[in-house]
C-alpha atoms as a PDB file:
ATOM      1  CA  MET A   1      24.501   2.253  -8.566  1.00  0.00           C
ATOM      2  CA  ALA A   2      20.977   0.958  -6.921  1.00  0.00           C
ATOM      3  CA  ASP A   3      21.289  -3.596  -8.248  1.00  0.00           C
ATOM      4  CA  GLN A   4      17.224  -3.467  -8.256  1.00  0.00           C
ATOM      5  CA  ILE A   5      14.855  -0.371  -8.154  1.00  0.00           C
ATOM      6  CA  TRP A   6      11.194  -1.308  -7.230  1.00  0.00           C
ATOM      7  CA  GLN A   7       8.458   1.419  -8.454  1.00  0.00           C
ATOM      8  CA  VAL A   8       5.031   1.338  -7.062  1.00  0.00           C
ATOM      9  CA  ASN A   9       2.454   3.345  -8.943  1.00  0.00           C
ATOM     10  CA  VAL A  10      -0.411   4.750  -7.150  1.00  0.00           C
ATOM     11  CA  THR A  11      -3.595   5.851  -8.500  1.00  0.00           C
ATOM     12  CA  PHE A  12      -6.857   7.535  -7.232  1.00  0.00           C
ATOM     13  CA  THR A  13     -10.055   7.750  -7.888  1.00  0.00           C
ATOM     14  CA  GLU A  14     -12.566  10.490  -6.308  1.00  0.00           C
ATOM     15  CA  ASP A  15     -15.931   9.989  -6.149  1.00  0.00           C
ATOM     16  CA  GLY A  16     -18.147  12.814  -4.130  1.00  0.00           C
ATOM     17  CA  ASP A  17     -16.162  13.353  -1.251  1.00  0.00           C
ATOM     18  CA  ARG A  18     -14.533   9.842  -0.869  1.00  0.00           C
ATOM     19  CA  THR A  19     -11.155   9.224  -2.690  1.00  0.00           C
ATOM     20  CA  ARG A  20      -9.618   6.011  -3.226  1.00  0.00           C
ATOM     21  CA  ALA A  21      -5.840   4.996  -3.915  1.00  0.00           C
ATOM     22  CA  ASP A  22      -4.686   1.654  -5.437  1.00  0.00           C
ATOM     23  CA  ALA A  23      -0.717   1.181  -4.805  1.00  0.00           C
ATOM     24  CA  THR A  24       0.218  -1.123  -6.788  1.00  0.00           C
ATOM     25  CA  LEU A  25       3.829  -3.193  -6.542  1.00  0.00           C
ATOM     26  CA  GLU A  26       4.466  -5.451  -9.352  1.00  0.00           C
ATOM     27  CA  LEU A  27       8.146  -7.710  -8.980  1.00  0.00           C
ATOM     28  CA  ALA A  28       9.371 -10.779 -11.170  1.00  0.00           C
ATOM     29  CA  GLU A  29       7.186 -13.632  -9.469  1.00  0.00           C
ATOM     30  CA  GLN A  30       4.597 -11.393  -7.461  1.00  0.00           C
ATOM     31  CA  ARG A  31       2.074  -8.368  -7.465  1.00  0.00           C
ATOM     32  CA  PHE A  32       1.339  -6.313  -5.011  1.00  0.00           C
ATOM     33  CA  HIS A  33      -2.126  -4.443  -4.527  1.00  0.00           C
ATOM     34  CA  GLY A  34      -2.918  -2.459  -1.497  1.00  0.00           C
ATOM     35  CA  PHE A  35      -5.888   0.144  -1.557  1.00  0.00           C
ATOM     36  CA  GLY A  36      -6.684   2.718   1.085  1.00  0.00           C
ATOM     37  CA  GLN A  37      -9.897   5.208   1.198  1.00  0.00           C
ATOM     38  CA  ALA A  38     -10.111   8.843   2.221  1.00  0.00           C
ATOM     39  CA  LYS A  39     -13.874  10.241   3.192  1.00  0.00           C
ATOM     40  CA  ARG A  40     -14.433  14.458   3.707  1.00  0.00           C
ATOM     41  CA  ALA A  41     -16.307  15.300   6.677  1.00  0.00           C
ATOM     42  CA  PRO A  42     -19.304  17.456   5.379  1.00  0.00           C
ATOM     43  CA  GLY A  43     -17.842  20.776   7.658  1.00  0.00           C
ATOM     44  CA  ASP A  44     -14.637  20.116   6.121  1.00  0.00           C
ATOM     45  CA  PRO A  45     -12.889  22.813   2.878  1.00  0.00           C
ATOM     46  CA  ASN A  46     -12.631  20.442  -0.764  1.00  0.00           C
ATOM     47  CA  LEU A  47      -9.003  19.458  -0.676  1.00  0.00           C
ATOM     48  CA  PRO A  48      -8.497  16.634  -2.632  1.00  0.00           C
ATOM     49  CA  VAL A  49      -4.922  16.960  -2.034  1.00  0.00           C
ATOM     50  CA  ILE A  50      -5.353  16.188   1.800  1.00  0.00           C
ATOM     51  CA  GLY A  51      -7.659  13.163   0.512  1.00  0.00           C
ATOM     52  CA  GLN A  52      -5.154  11.647  -1.857  1.00  0.00           C
ATOM     53  CA  ASP A  53      -2.600  12.128   1.651  1.00  0.00           C
ATOM     54  CA  LEU A  54      -4.634   9.970   3.393  1.00  0.00           C
ATOM     55  CA  ALA A  55      -6.331   7.244   1.029  1.00  0.00           C
ATOM     56  CA  ALA A  56      -2.589   6.816  -0.323  1.00  0.00           C
ATOM     57  CA  ALA A  57      -0.901   6.618   3.262  1.00  0.00           C
ATOM     58  CA  ARG A  58      -3.190   4.116   3.438  1.00  0.00           C
ATOM     59  CA  ALA A  59      -2.804   2.266   0.306  1.00  0.00           C
ATOM     60  CA  LEU A  60       0.650   2.371   1.142  1.00  0.00           C
ATOM     61  CA  SER A  61       0.046   1.094   4.444  1.00  0.00           C
ATOM     62  CA  GLU A  62      -1.548  -1.550   3.296  1.00  0.00           C
ATOM     63  CA  LEU A  63       1.461  -2.354   0.178  1.00  0.00           C
ATOM     64  CA  SER A  64       4.327  -2.522   3.289  1.00  0.00           C
ATOM     65  CA  HIS A  65       1.816  -5.351   5.442  1.00  0.00           C
ATOM     66  CA  GLN A  66       1.887  -7.558   2.459  1.00  0.00           C
ATOM     67  CA  LEU A  67       5.456  -7.367   1.884  1.00  0.00           C
ATOM     68  CA  LEU A  68       5.816  -8.009   5.611  1.00  0.00           C
ATOM     69  CA  ASN A  69       3.413 -11.004   5.007  1.00  0.00           C
ATOM     70  CA  ALA A  70       5.310 -11.973   1.935  1.00  0.00           C
ATOM     71  CA  ALA A  71       9.037 -12.001   3.700  1.00  0.00           C
ATOM     72  CA  ALA A  72       7.836 -13.872   6.554  1.00  0.00           C
ATOM     73  CA  ALA A  73       6.531 -16.954   4.261  1.00  0.00           C
ATOM     74  CA  ARG A  74      10.138 -16.742   2.126  1.00  0.00           C
ATOM     75  CA  ILE A  75      12.099 -16.556   5.683  1.00  0.00           C
ATOM     76  CA  GLU A  76       9.863 -19.223   7.069  1.00  0.00           C
ATOM     77  CA  GLU A  77      10.210 -22.012   3.604  1.00  0.00           C
ATOM     78  CA  PHE A  78      13.316 -21.258   4.252  1.00  0.00           C
ATOM     79  CA  GLU A  79      13.474 -21.773   8.319  1.00  0.00           C
ATOM     80  CA  GLY A  80      10.877 -24.452   8.729  1.00  0.00           C
ATOM     81  CA  HIS A  81       9.080 -22.979  11.166  1.00  0.00           C
ATOM     82  CA  LYS A  82       6.979 -19.981  12.117  1.00  0.00           C
ATOM     83  CA  VAL A  83       8.608 -16.651  12.824  1.00  0.00           C
ATOM     84  CA  ASN A  84       7.167 -13.516  13.703  1.00  0.00           C
ATOM     85  CA  VAL A  85       7.731 -10.359  11.552  1.00  0.00           C
ATOM     86  CA  HIS A  86       7.695  -6.552  12.701  1.00  0.00           C
ATOM     87  CA  GLY A  87       6.974  -3.766  10.935  1.00  0.00           C
END
């Protein structure tokens, strides 16, 4: 059994040929939010799932970078010096 479970919510907003994804992770002490966008080119077929895939990937990528930065800040606080965390 898992000690902790984190749930990320991804919501989508469609506006014409644009798709926006908002990814949210709420923890006990912090809330992280990333967003991503995709734009369908004029000659592309109207397949919203492709825009959702791209927008969600970009939102989750931003969210992951925020988590890496938060982890680095915690390490720096504990260690007392600047650290580089790669992801």
